[in-house]
Amino acid sequence: MTIKGAVKTYILSTRWTYLVASMLTLQFSLNMFGVNYLGPTCQPYHQKKFLEVVNQFLQLYLGRKVVELEIHTSIQRKFSSEFGQLMHSVSKLGDERLHLNFSCGKIPTSKYINLHRNTFFEFYLELLSQAFSLKSLFLSVCVVQASVTLRLNSFKTLFLTGVLLETGQLEGILSSCLNLNQLIIKYCNLPHKLCISGIVTSILFADCGGLEEIDLQATKLHEFECFFNNRVRFYFSSIPVLEHVKISLRGDATMPYIFGEFAANLPAQVKSLIVTAWNTQVTHFPTEMQIFRNLRMLVFLFESTYNFDIVKVSPVLDAYPVLQSLHILGSRMMVEDNSDELASPVTSVKNNFMDEGNTDELVSPVTSVKNDSMAEDNIDELVSPVTSVKNESAGSNTRRQSTGKLNAPDSGQDVIPHYLRASTGSCHDFCKYGRKHSSEAKPCHPL
């Protein structure tokens, strides 16, 4: 329920007078004040009034439990003082997740961010230095600044969308967030070189511009995903526990790079590799590939399977001596009978040649990197192809219970009930339609 909806309930019953005071999630946007502006900016009067009203509301709300706070508005740099007062109230609120979107419209592209960098609002992480209970921070369409001496020890998740990051800024942010576990960067304009360090365990880069080289030095990094339209060079300097990698690059030179230089730099302990590409890129496999000695699961996700020849993938098998699971999937491969249930074959596949004790090691948690509020921050624009494909064998090896779930034929569970099965006709079909029922009448025996 929104704040406006909770306030309106007072009209219906006096028992709901203080319902708004018990809301765990607070959402503020210009739409609440009747401002429906779809552009990247809005009028300065509305910006200032919005900051003042939200600040007054949060001051009255102090002392009550708040889990999540969302603020969506466009702010000019001249209102930094009013915004600082608002952040002071936010720090005392005690919320765990904070969403700050400094745009009234859609998330801009990295090219747009680079051209209009002087118009973006500057957000200083020092404003949250007193937010000791804050665990997840979502920032959209701004310039992030962090000082060297800043320490944000409570931060666990950092989600940057449409953010401009200059040289050294991301490294400064990571040095301030000493206990950060998850880092997600989408649609951001990045410097040419990045160095990721710290104890972060999961990293995702998606559709970011400007980046050419990235050096991963996070000693506890376990999962790494990247989606780039341009070729990016990766260096894995010190990541002893990295096991799951997902990569998507563009261009005909993608496959020679992934199975050549990229594979040579990957740590030996990597167990699963997911490659997203076009089917035309398969024809550019290198003749000699780097050997993956410990890779157990390999997945190809092709965005288009038109005129695809599966034989072209066979040369990669020589590079994986201990490979136990190979999946070649297309983004449009779905079973028609079960198209309403899109399951991820990568996270649900079990190899018959593996013992049950080792199957957990082959499940890729890269596809399960999840934030509690991703769906509310345009995450549907970046849905992983792994979660949008369907195993072709699912329709033939499963059947549905009355509860709507699929069961294997040998699972020993009840088959589909008769009242859910398709009609098979009756003995009256011959009279009505001129055809006999498929079932034969049982012979009668005299008493």
Protein backbone atom coordinates (compact mmCIF):
# COMPACT_ATOMS: atom_id res chain seq x y z
CA MET A 1 0.00 0.00 0.00
CA THR A 2 1.28 3.47 -0.87
CA ILE A 3 1.44 6.34 1.57
CA LYS A 4 -1.47 8.10 -0.14
CA GLY A 5 -3.52 4.91 0.05
CA ALA A 6 -2.79 4.51 3.75
CA VAL A 7 -3.81 8.10 4.48
CA LYS A 8 -7.05 7.70 2.52
CA THR A 9 -8.06 4.75 4.70
CA TYR A 10 -8.78 7.23 7.52
CA ILE A 11 -11.88 8.26 5.57
CA LEU A 12 -13.21 4.70 5.65
CA SER A 13 -12.67 3.91 9.31
CA THR A 14 -11.23 5.63 12.36
CA ARG A 15 -9.52 2.37 13.31
CA TRP A 16 -7.15 2.98 10.39
CA THR A 17 -6.13 6.44 11.52
CA TYR A 18 -2.57 5.39 12.35
CA LEU A 19 -2.18 2.79 9.63
CA VAL A 20 0.33 4.95 7.81
CA ALA A 21 2.51 4.94 10.94
CA SER A 22 2.96 1.15 10.70
CA MET A 23 4.21 0.96 7.10
CA LEU A 24 7.56 -0.81 6.76
CA THR A 25 8.19 0.53 3.23
CA LEU A 26 7.97 4.23 2.40
CA GLN A 27 7.90 5.43 -1.22
CA PHE A 28 8.10 9.08 -2.23
CA SER A 29 7.87 10.49 -5.75
CA LEU A 30 6.67 13.65 -7.46
CA ASN A 31 3.52 11.80 -8.52
CA MET A 32 2.34 12.03 -4.93
CA PHE A 33 2.11 15.80 -5.33
CA GLY A 34 0.36 15.73 -8.68
CA VAL A 35 3.53 16.32 -10.71
CA ASN A 36 3.53 13.91 -13.66
CA TYR A 37 6.62 15.04 -15.51
CA LEU A 38 8.18 12.44 -17.79
CA GLY A 39 11.35 14.29 -18.74
CA PRO A 40 14.80 13.96 -17.17
CA THR A 41 14.26 17.06 -15.02
CA CYS A 42 11.37 18.92 -13.38
CA GLN A 43 10.71 22.47 -12.23
CA PRO A 44 12.97 23.84 -9.45
CA TYR A 45 9.94 24.85 -7.37
CA HIS A 46 8.67 21.25 -7.35
CA GLN A 47 12.13 19.94 -6.47
CA LYS A 48 12.52 22.19 -3.43
CA LYS A 49 8.97 21.63 -2.25
CA PHE A 50 9.38 17.87 -2.58
CA LEU A 51 12.53 17.85 -0.44
CA GLU A 52 10.91 19.97 2.27
CA VAL A 53 7.71 17.91 2.47
CA VAL A 54 9.51 14.55 2.57
CA ASN A 55 11.90 15.83 5.23
CA GLN A 56 8.99 16.97 7.42
CA PHE A 57 7.27 13.60 7.01
CA LEU A 58 10.39 11.64 7.97
CA GLN A 59 10.93 13.80 11.05
CA LEU A 60 7.41 12.96 12.21
CA TYR A 61 8.05 9.30 11.42
CA LEU A 62 11.15 8.99 13.61
CA GLY A 63 10.99 6.23 16.21
CA ARG A 64 8.94 3.88 14.01
CA LYS A 65 10.33 0.82 12.26
CA VAL A 66 11.17 1.33 8.56
CA VAL A 67 12.77 -1.42 6.50
CA GLU A 68 12.87 0.22 3.07
CA LEU A 69 12.80 3.80 1.83
CA GLU A 70 12.45 4.91 -1.80
CA ILE A 71 12.83 8.47 -3.08
CA HIS A 72 12.34 9.26 -6.78
CA THR A 73 12.84 12.85 -7.90
CA SER A 74 15.06 15.04 -10.02
CA ILE A 75 17.25 17.44 -8.02
CA GLN A 76 19.49 20.24 -9.19
CA ARG A 77 22.85 20.81 -7.57
CA LYS A 78 21.74 24.12 -6.05
CA PHE A 79 19.46 22.20 -3.68
CA SER A 80 22.34 20.30 -2.05
CA SER A 81 21.64 21.95 1.31
CA GLU A 82 17.97 20.86 1.36
CA PHE A 83 18.95 17.38 0.26
CA GLY A 84 21.55 17.20 3.04
CA GLN A 85 18.87 17.93 5.62
CA LEU A 86 16.74 15.18 4.12
CA MET A 87 19.61 12.68 4.34
CA HIS A 88 20.12 13.65 7.97
CA SER A 89 16.54 12.58 8.68
CA VAL A 90 17.04 9.41 6.65
CA SER A 91 20.11 8.48 8.71
CA LYS A 92 18.10 8.72 11.93
CA LEU A 93 15.21 6.71 10.50
CA GLY A 94 17.03 3.37 10.86
CA ASP A 95 16.02 1.86 7.50
CA GLU A 96 17.90 -1.13 6.03
CA ARG A 97 17.41 -0.49 2.28
CA LEU A 98 17.58 2.92 0.63
CA HIS A 99 16.65 3.72 -3.00
CA LEU A 100 17.63 7.12 -4.40
CA ASN A 101 16.66 7.84 -8.01
CA PHE A 102 17.62 11.33 -9.16
CA SER A 103 15.59 11.31 -12.36
CA CYS A 104 11.93 11.78 -13.23
CA GLY A 105 12.24 9.76 -16.44
CA LYS A 106 13.87 6.57 -17.65
CA ILE A 107 17.41 5.49 -16.86
CA PRO A 108 19.71 7.16 -19.44
CA THR A 109 22.31 5.34 -21.49
CA SER A 110 26.02 5.53 -20.72
CA LYS A 111 26.51 7.74 -23.80
CA TYR A 112 23.94 10.24 -22.56
CA ILE A 113 25.54 10.23 -19.11
CA ASN A 114 28.92 11.12 -20.59
CA LEU A 115 27.48 14.02 -22.63
CA HIS A 116 25.47 15.52 -19.74
CA ARG A 117 27.78 14.84 -16.83
CA ASN A 118 27.64 18.44 -15.59
CA THR A 119 23.88 18.27 -15.04
CA PHE A 120 23.91 15.20 -12.81
CA PHE A 121 23.33 15.61 -9.10
CA GLU A 122 26.41 14.96 -6.94
CA PHE A 123 25.71 12.49 -4.17
CA TYR A 124 28.26 12.34 -1.34
CA LEU A 125 28.39 9.10 0.59
CA GLU A 126 29.37 11.12 3.67
CA LEU A 127 25.68 11.99 4.00
CA LEU A 128 25.09 8.38 5.08
CA SER A 129 27.98 8.16 7.53
CA GLN A 130 25.49 8.06 10.44
CA ALA A 131 23.17 5.50 8.82
CA PHE A 132 24.50 2.58 10.88
CA SER A 133 21.60 0.25 10.08
CA LEU A 134 21.71 0.71 6.29
CA LYS A 135 22.62 -2.54 4.50
CA SER A 136 21.60 -1.98 0.86
CA LEU A 137 22.02 1.20 -1.17
CA PHE A 138 20.52 1.75 -4.65
CA LEU A 139 21.68 4.85 -6.50
CA SER A 140 20.39 5.93 -9.91
CA VAL A 141 21.33 8.80 -12.27
CA CYS A 142 23.88 10.74 -10.25
CA VAL A 143 27.58 11.30 -9.63
CA VAL A 144 28.86 9.43 -6.57
CA GLN A 145 31.58 10.96 -4.42
CA ALA A 146 33.39 9.28 -1.53
CA SER A 147 36.25 10.43 0.67
CA VAL A 148 39.23 8.28 1.60
CA THR A 149 38.52 8.43 5.33
CA LEU A 150 34.85 7.45 5.02
CA ARG A 151 33.83 4.09 6.52
CA LEU A 152 30.44 2.51 5.80
CA ASN A 153 30.81 -0.80 7.58
CA SER A 154 27.11 -1.70 7.52
CA PHE A 155 26.82 -1.77 3.71
CA LYS A 156 26.30 -5.25 2.22
CA THR A 157 24.87 -4.45 -1.23
CA LEU A 158 25.61 -1.56 -3.59
CA PHE A 159 23.49 -1.15 -6.73
CA LEU A 160 24.53 1.60 -9.18
CA THR A 161 22.32 2.37 -12.20
CA GLY A 162 23.02 5.18 -14.65
CA VAL A 163 25.82 6.56 -12.47
CA LEU A 164 28.84 8.49 -13.71
CA LEU A 165 32.08 7.12 -12.23
CA GLU A 166 35.34 8.92 -12.87
CA THR A 167 38.81 7.40 -12.51
CA GLY A 168 39.40 6.19 -8.96
CA GLN A 169 35.86 6.82 -7.71
CA LEU A 170 34.70 3.20 -7.70
CA GLU A 171 37.90 2.14 -5.97
CA GLY A 172 37.26 4.82 -3.36
CA ILE A 173 33.71 3.59 -2.82
CA LEU A 174 34.88 0.01 -2.34
CA SER A 175 37.53 1.12 0.14
CA SER A 176 34.80 2.87 2.16
CA CYS A 177 32.46 -0.13 2.16
CA LEU A 178 34.70 -2.63 3.91
CA ASN A 179 32.02 -5.32 4.36
CA LEU A 180 30.41 -5.09 0.92
CA ASN A 181 29.28 -8.48 -0.44
CA GLN A 182 27.39 -7.67 -3.63
CA LEU A 183 28.23 -5.08 -6.29
CA ILE A 184 25.88 -4.48 -9.25
CA ILE A 185 26.63 -1.83 -11.88
CA LYS A 186 24.23 -1.20 -14.79
CA TYR A 187 24.09 1.45 -17.53
CA CYS A 188 26.95 3.37 -15.94
CA ASN A 189 29.69 5.35 -17.62
CA LEU A 190 32.98 3.93 -16.35
CA PRO A 191 36.63 4.91 -16.75
CA HIS A 192 38.87 3.02 -19.15
CA LYS A 193 40.45 0.95 -16.36
CA LEU A 194 39.02 -0.46 -13.15
CA CYS A 195 40.53 -2.33 -10.24
CA ILE A 196 38.10 -4.22 -8.00
CA SER A 197 39.40 -5.19 -4.57
CA GLY A 198 38.01 -5.84 -1.12
CA ILE A 199 35.95 -8.76 0.16
CA VAL A 200 33.05 -8.52 -2.31
CA THR A 201 31.73 -11.98 -3.21
CA SER A 202 29.45 -11.21 -6.19
CA ILE A 203 29.96 -8.72 -9.04
CA LEU A 204 27.76 -7.90 -12.03
CA PHE A 205 28.52 -5.43 -14.85
CA ALA A 206 25.83 -4.81 -17.47
CA ASP A 207 25.75 -2.45 -20.47
CA CYS A 208 28.35 -0.05 -19.13
CA GLY A 209 30.26 2.21 -21.47
CA GLY A 210 33.86 3.40 -21.47
CA LEU A 211 35.42 0.37 -19.78
CA GLU A 212 38.31 -1.32 -21.59
CA GLU A 213 40.23 -3.15 -18.84
CA ILE A 214 39.20 -4.55 -15.49
CA ASP A 215 41.49 -6.10 -12.91
CA LEU A 216 39.77 -8.30 -10.33
CA GLN A 217 41.64 -8.49 -7.03
CA ALA A 218 38.76 -9.35 -4.70
CA THR A 219 40.09 -12.23 -2.64
CA LYS A 220 36.60 -13.55 -1.77
CA LEU A 221 34.99 -13.14 -5.18
CA HIS A 222 32.85 -16.22 -5.86
CA GLU A 223 30.55 -15.17 -8.74
CA PHE A 224 31.25 -12.84 -11.65
CA GLU A 225 28.88 -11.72 -14.44
CA CYS A 226 29.49 -9.23 -17.25
CA PHE A 227 27.46 -8.05 -20.26
CA PHE A 228 29.31 -5.68 -22.58
CA ASN A 229 28.68 -4.48 -26.12
CA ASN A 230 32.38 -3.84 -26.60
CA ARG A 231 35.39 -6.03 -25.97
CA VAL A 232 36.78 -5.73 -22.45
CA ARG A 233 40.05 -7.22 -21.29
CA PHE A 234 39.92 -9.03 -17.96
CA TYR A 235 42.72 -9.71 -15.49
CA PHE A 236 42.18 -12.11 -12.59
CA SER A 237 45.04 -11.17 -10.32
CA SER A 238 44.05 -12.56 -6.94
CA ILE A 239 40.68 -14.37 -6.76
CA PRO A 240 41.36 -17.78 -5.19
CA VAL A 241 37.68 -18.74 -4.65
CA LEU A 242 36.09 -17.72 -7.97
CA GLU A 243 34.01 -20.66 -9.25
CA HIS A 244 31.15 -19.31 -11.41
CA VAL A 245 31.58 -17.00 -14.40
CA LYS A 246 29.07 -15.66 -16.89
CA ILE A 247 30.20 -13.54 -19.85
CA SER A 248 28.51 -11.90 -22.82
CA LEU A 249 30.46 -9.92 -25.42
CA ARG A 250 29.73 -8.69 -28.93
CA GLY A 251 31.61 -9.13 -32.18
CA ASP A 252 33.07 -11.98 -34.22
CA ALA A 253 36.27 -11.90 -32.16
CA THR A 254 34.38 -12.82 -29.00
CA MET A 255 34.84 -16.59 -29.12
CA PRO A 256 38.59 -16.52 -29.87
CA TYR A 257 39.03 -14.14 -26.95
CA ILE A 258 36.82 -16.05 -24.48
CA PHE A 259 38.33 -19.45 -25.26
CA GLY A 260 41.81 -18.04 -25.72
CA GLU A 261 43.17 -15.14 -23.69
CA PHE A 262 40.18 -14.95 -21.33
CA ALA A 263 40.38 -18.66 -20.56
CA ALA A 264 44.13 -18.46 -20.02
CA ASN A 265 43.63 -15.81 -17.31
CA LEU A 266 40.78 -17.60 -15.54
CA PRO A 267 41.73 -19.26 -12.26
CA ALA A 268 41.98 -23.03 -12.31
CA GLN A 269 39.23 -23.49 -9.71
CA VAL A 270 36.44 -22.13 -11.95
CA LYS A 271 33.74 -24.82 -12.22
CA SER A 272 31.00 -23.30 -14.39
CA LEU A 273 31.13 -21.02 -17.40
CA ILE A 274 28.07 -19.49 -19.10
CA VAL A 275 28.62 -17.81 -22.48
CA THR A 276 25.90 -15.68 -24.08
CA ALA A 277 26.39 -14.99 -27.80
CA TRP A 278 24.81 -15.00 -31.26
CA ASN A 279 24.84 -18.18 -33.27
CA THR A 280 27.02 -16.51 -35.92
CA GLN A 281 29.80 -16.16 -33.38
CA VAL A 282 30.12 -19.94 -33.15
CA THR A 283 31.81 -20.06 -36.56
CA HIS A 284 34.72 -18.08 -35.11
CA PHE A 285 35.93 -20.65 -32.59
CA PRO A 286 39.74 -20.71 -32.39
CA THR A 287 41.57 -23.77 -33.64
CA GLU A 288 43.60 -24.03 -30.45
CA MET A 289 41.96 -23.40 -27.10
CA GLN A 290 43.12 -23.01 -23.56
CA ILE A 291 42.49 -26.16 -21.52
CA PHE A 292 39.95 -25.81 -18.67
CA ARG A 293 41.14 -28.51 -16.32
CA ASN A 294 38.49 -28.09 -13.61
CA LEU A 295 35.49 -26.80 -15.56
CA ARG A 296 32.53 -29.13 -15.00
CA MET A 297 29.60 -27.21 -16.50
CA LEU A 298 29.52 -25.26 -19.77
CA VAL A 299 26.43 -23.44 -21.02
CA PHE A 300 25.93 -21.69 -24.37
CA LEU A 301 23.00 -19.28 -24.49
CA PHE A 302 22.39 -18.16 -28.07
CA GLU A 303 20.21 -15.11 -28.56
CA SER A 304 19.35 -16.40 -32.03
CA THR A 305 19.39 -20.00 -33.26
CA TYR A 306 18.49 -19.35 -36.90
CA ASN A 307 20.45 -21.73 -39.17
CA PHE A 308 22.40 -22.96 -36.17
CA ASP A 309 24.64 -26.00 -36.63
CA ILE A 310 25.30 -27.80 -33.37
CA VAL A 311 28.34 -29.55 -34.85
CA LYS A 312 30.21 -26.24 -34.79
CA VAL A 313 30.32 -26.38 -31.00
CA SER A 314 31.97 -29.81 -30.86
CA PRO A 315 35.60 -28.52 -30.99
CA VAL A 316 35.23 -26.99 -27.52
CA LEU A 317 34.83 -30.44 -25.94
CA ASP A 318 38.52 -31.15 -26.36
CA ALA A 319 39.33 -28.25 -24.06
CA TYR A 320 37.36 -29.67 -21.10
CA PRO A 321 38.76 -33.00 -19.91
CA VAL A 322 36.51 -33.21 -16.80
CA LEU A 323 33.38 -31.60 -18.30
CA GLN A 324 30.26 -33.26 -16.90
CA SER A 325 27.47 -31.04 -18.17
CA LEU A 326 27.08 -29.24 -21.52
CA HIS A 327 23.99 -27.19 -22.39
CA ILE A 328 23.29 -25.44 -25.69
CA LEU A 329 20.21 -23.28 -25.37
CA GLY A 330 18.41 -20.55 -27.25
CA SER A 331 16.54 -17.62 -25.79
CA ARG A 332 13.38 -18.68 -27.68
CA MET A 333 13.57 -22.41 -26.92
CA MET A 334 10.43 -23.16 -24.92
CA VAL A 335 8.09 -26.09 -24.76
CA GLU A 336 4.68 -25.04 -26.04
CA ASP A 337 2.77 -27.24 -23.64
CA ASN A 338 4.49 -25.71 -20.62
CA SER A 339 5.26 -22.21 -21.86
CA ASP A 340 3.74 -20.69 -18.73
CA GLU A 341 6.48 -22.19 -16.58
CA LEU A 342 9.88 -20.82 -17.51
CA ALA A 343 12.40 -22.69 -15.43
CA SER A 344 16.13 -22.23 -15.59
CA PRO A 345 17.75 -25.42 -16.90
CA VAL A 346 21.11 -24.27 -15.63
CA THR A 347 20.00 -24.12 -12.05
CA SER A 348 17.88 -27.27 -12.21
CA VAL A 349 19.96 -29.68 -14.28
CA LYS A 350 21.41 -32.80 -12.72
CA ASN A 351 24.02 -34.92 -14.45
CA ASN A 352 23.42 -38.65 -14.39
CA PHE A 353 27.12 -39.36 -14.15
CA MET A 354 27.62 -37.44 -10.93
CA ASP A 355 26.94 -38.64 -7.47
CA GLU A 356 24.36 -36.73 -5.51
CA GLY A 357 26.94 -35.46 -3.11
CA ASN A 358 28.63 -33.32 -5.77
CA THR A 359 25.63 -31.97 -7.63
CA ASP A 360 25.39 -28.91 -5.41
CA GLU A 361 28.79 -27.79 -6.57
CA LEU A 362 27.60 -27.56 -10.17
CA VAL A 363 24.61 -25.33 -9.57
CA SER A 364 25.51 -21.85 -10.73
CA PRO A 365 24.67 -19.29 -8.06
CA VAL A 366 25.55 -16.63 -10.60
CA THR A 367 21.99 -16.91 -11.85
CA SER A 368 20.65 -16.55 -8.33
CA VAL A 369 22.33 -13.28 -7.40
CA LYS A 370 19.29 -11.50 -6.15
CA ASN A 371 18.50 -8.32 -4.39
CA ASP A 372 15.32 -7.85 -2.50
CA SER A 373 14.28 -4.90 -4.65
CA MET A 374 15.79 -5.56 -8.01
CA ALA A 375 12.47 -5.94 -9.66
CA GLU A 376 11.56 -2.42 -8.63
CA ASP A 377 14.67 -0.85 -10.15
CA ASN A 378 14.28 -1.76 -13.82
CA ILE A 379 15.85 -5.13 -13.30
CA ASP A 380 13.38 -6.53 -15.82
CA GLU A 381 15.44 -4.80 -18.52
CA LEU A 382 18.35 -6.99 -17.67
CA VAL A 383 16.77 -10.37 -17.08
CA SER A 384 19.43 -12.99 -17.36
CA PRO A 385 18.94 -15.23 -20.43
CA VAL A 386 19.55 -18.19 -18.16
CA THR A 387 16.27 -17.51 -16.40
CA SER A 388 14.35 -16.99 -19.65
CA VAL A 389 15.01 -20.28 -21.43
CA LYS A 390 13.27 -23.62 -21.17
CA ASN A 391 14.76 -27.09 -21.30
CA GLU A 392 13.27 -28.89 -24.29
CA SER A 393 13.20 -32.17 -22.48
CA ALA A 394 11.05 -30.80 -19.68
CA GLY A 395 7.83 -31.30 -21.61
CA SER A 396 8.49 -34.96 -22.41
CA ASN A 397 9.89 -36.15 -19.10
CA THR A 398 7.47 -34.50 -16.71
CA ARG A 399 3.78 -34.54 -15.92
CA ARG A 400 1.55 -32.23 -13.94
CA GLN A 401 -0.16 -32.81 -10.63
CA SER A 402 -3.45 -31.31 -9.60
CA THR A 403 -1.47 -28.66 -7.75
CA GLY A 404 0.07 -27.46 -11.01
CA LYS A 405 3.58 -28.76 -10.26
CA LEU A 406 5.63 -30.93 -12.57
CA ASN A 407 6.81 -34.35 -11.43
CA ALA A 408 9.16 -36.83 -13.01
CA PRO A 409 7.48 -40.03 -14.26
CA ASP A 410 9.56 -42.19 -11.96
CA SER A 411 9.14 -40.07 -8.86
CA GLY A 412 6.45 -42.33 -7.45
CA GLN A 413 3.97 -39.50 -6.95
CA ASP A 414 0.32 -39.53 -7.99
CA VAL A 415 -0.54 -39.05 -11.64
CA ILE A 416 -2.85 -36.31 -12.87
CA PRO A 417 -6.39 -36.70 -11.49
CA HIS A 418 -9.21 -37.66 -13.87
CA TYR A 419 -11.07 -34.39 -13.36
CA LEU A 420 -8.09 -32.46 -14.73
CA ARG A 421 -7.53 -34.66 -17.78
CA ALA A 422 -8.77 -33.80 -21.26
CA SER A 423 -12.13 -35.24 -22.26
CA THR A 424 -11.94 -38.69 -23.88
CA GLY A 425 -15.55 -38.83 -25.03
CA SER A 426 -18.28 -41.29 -24.00
CA CYS A 427 -20.32 -44.19 -25.29
CA HIS A 428 -22.89 -41.75 -26.69
CA ASP A 429 -20.46 -40.34 -29.26
CA PHE A 430 -21.56 -42.97 -31.80
CA CYS A 431 -25.16 -41.78 -31.63
CA LYS A 432 -24.29 -38.09 -31.74
CA TYR A 433 -21.26 -37.96 -34.02
CA GLY A 434 -21.23 -41.31 -35.78
CA ARG A 435 -18.03 -42.63 -34.21
CA LYS A 436 -17.34 -45.26 -31.59
CA HIS A 437 -15.63 -44.67 -28.32
CA SER A 438 -12.07 -45.94 -28.16
CA SER A 439 -12.72 -48.13 -25.16
CA GLU A 440 -14.25 -51.57 -25.67
CA ALA A 441 -17.20 -52.84 -23.62
CA LYS A 442 -16.37 -55.50 -21.11
CA PRO A 443 -17.86 -58.96 -21.88
CA CYS A 444 -20.74 -60.08 -19.72
CA HIS A 445 -20.61 -63.39 -17.93
CA PRO A 446 -23.75 -65.30 -16.87
CA LEU A 447 -24.26 -65.81 -13.22
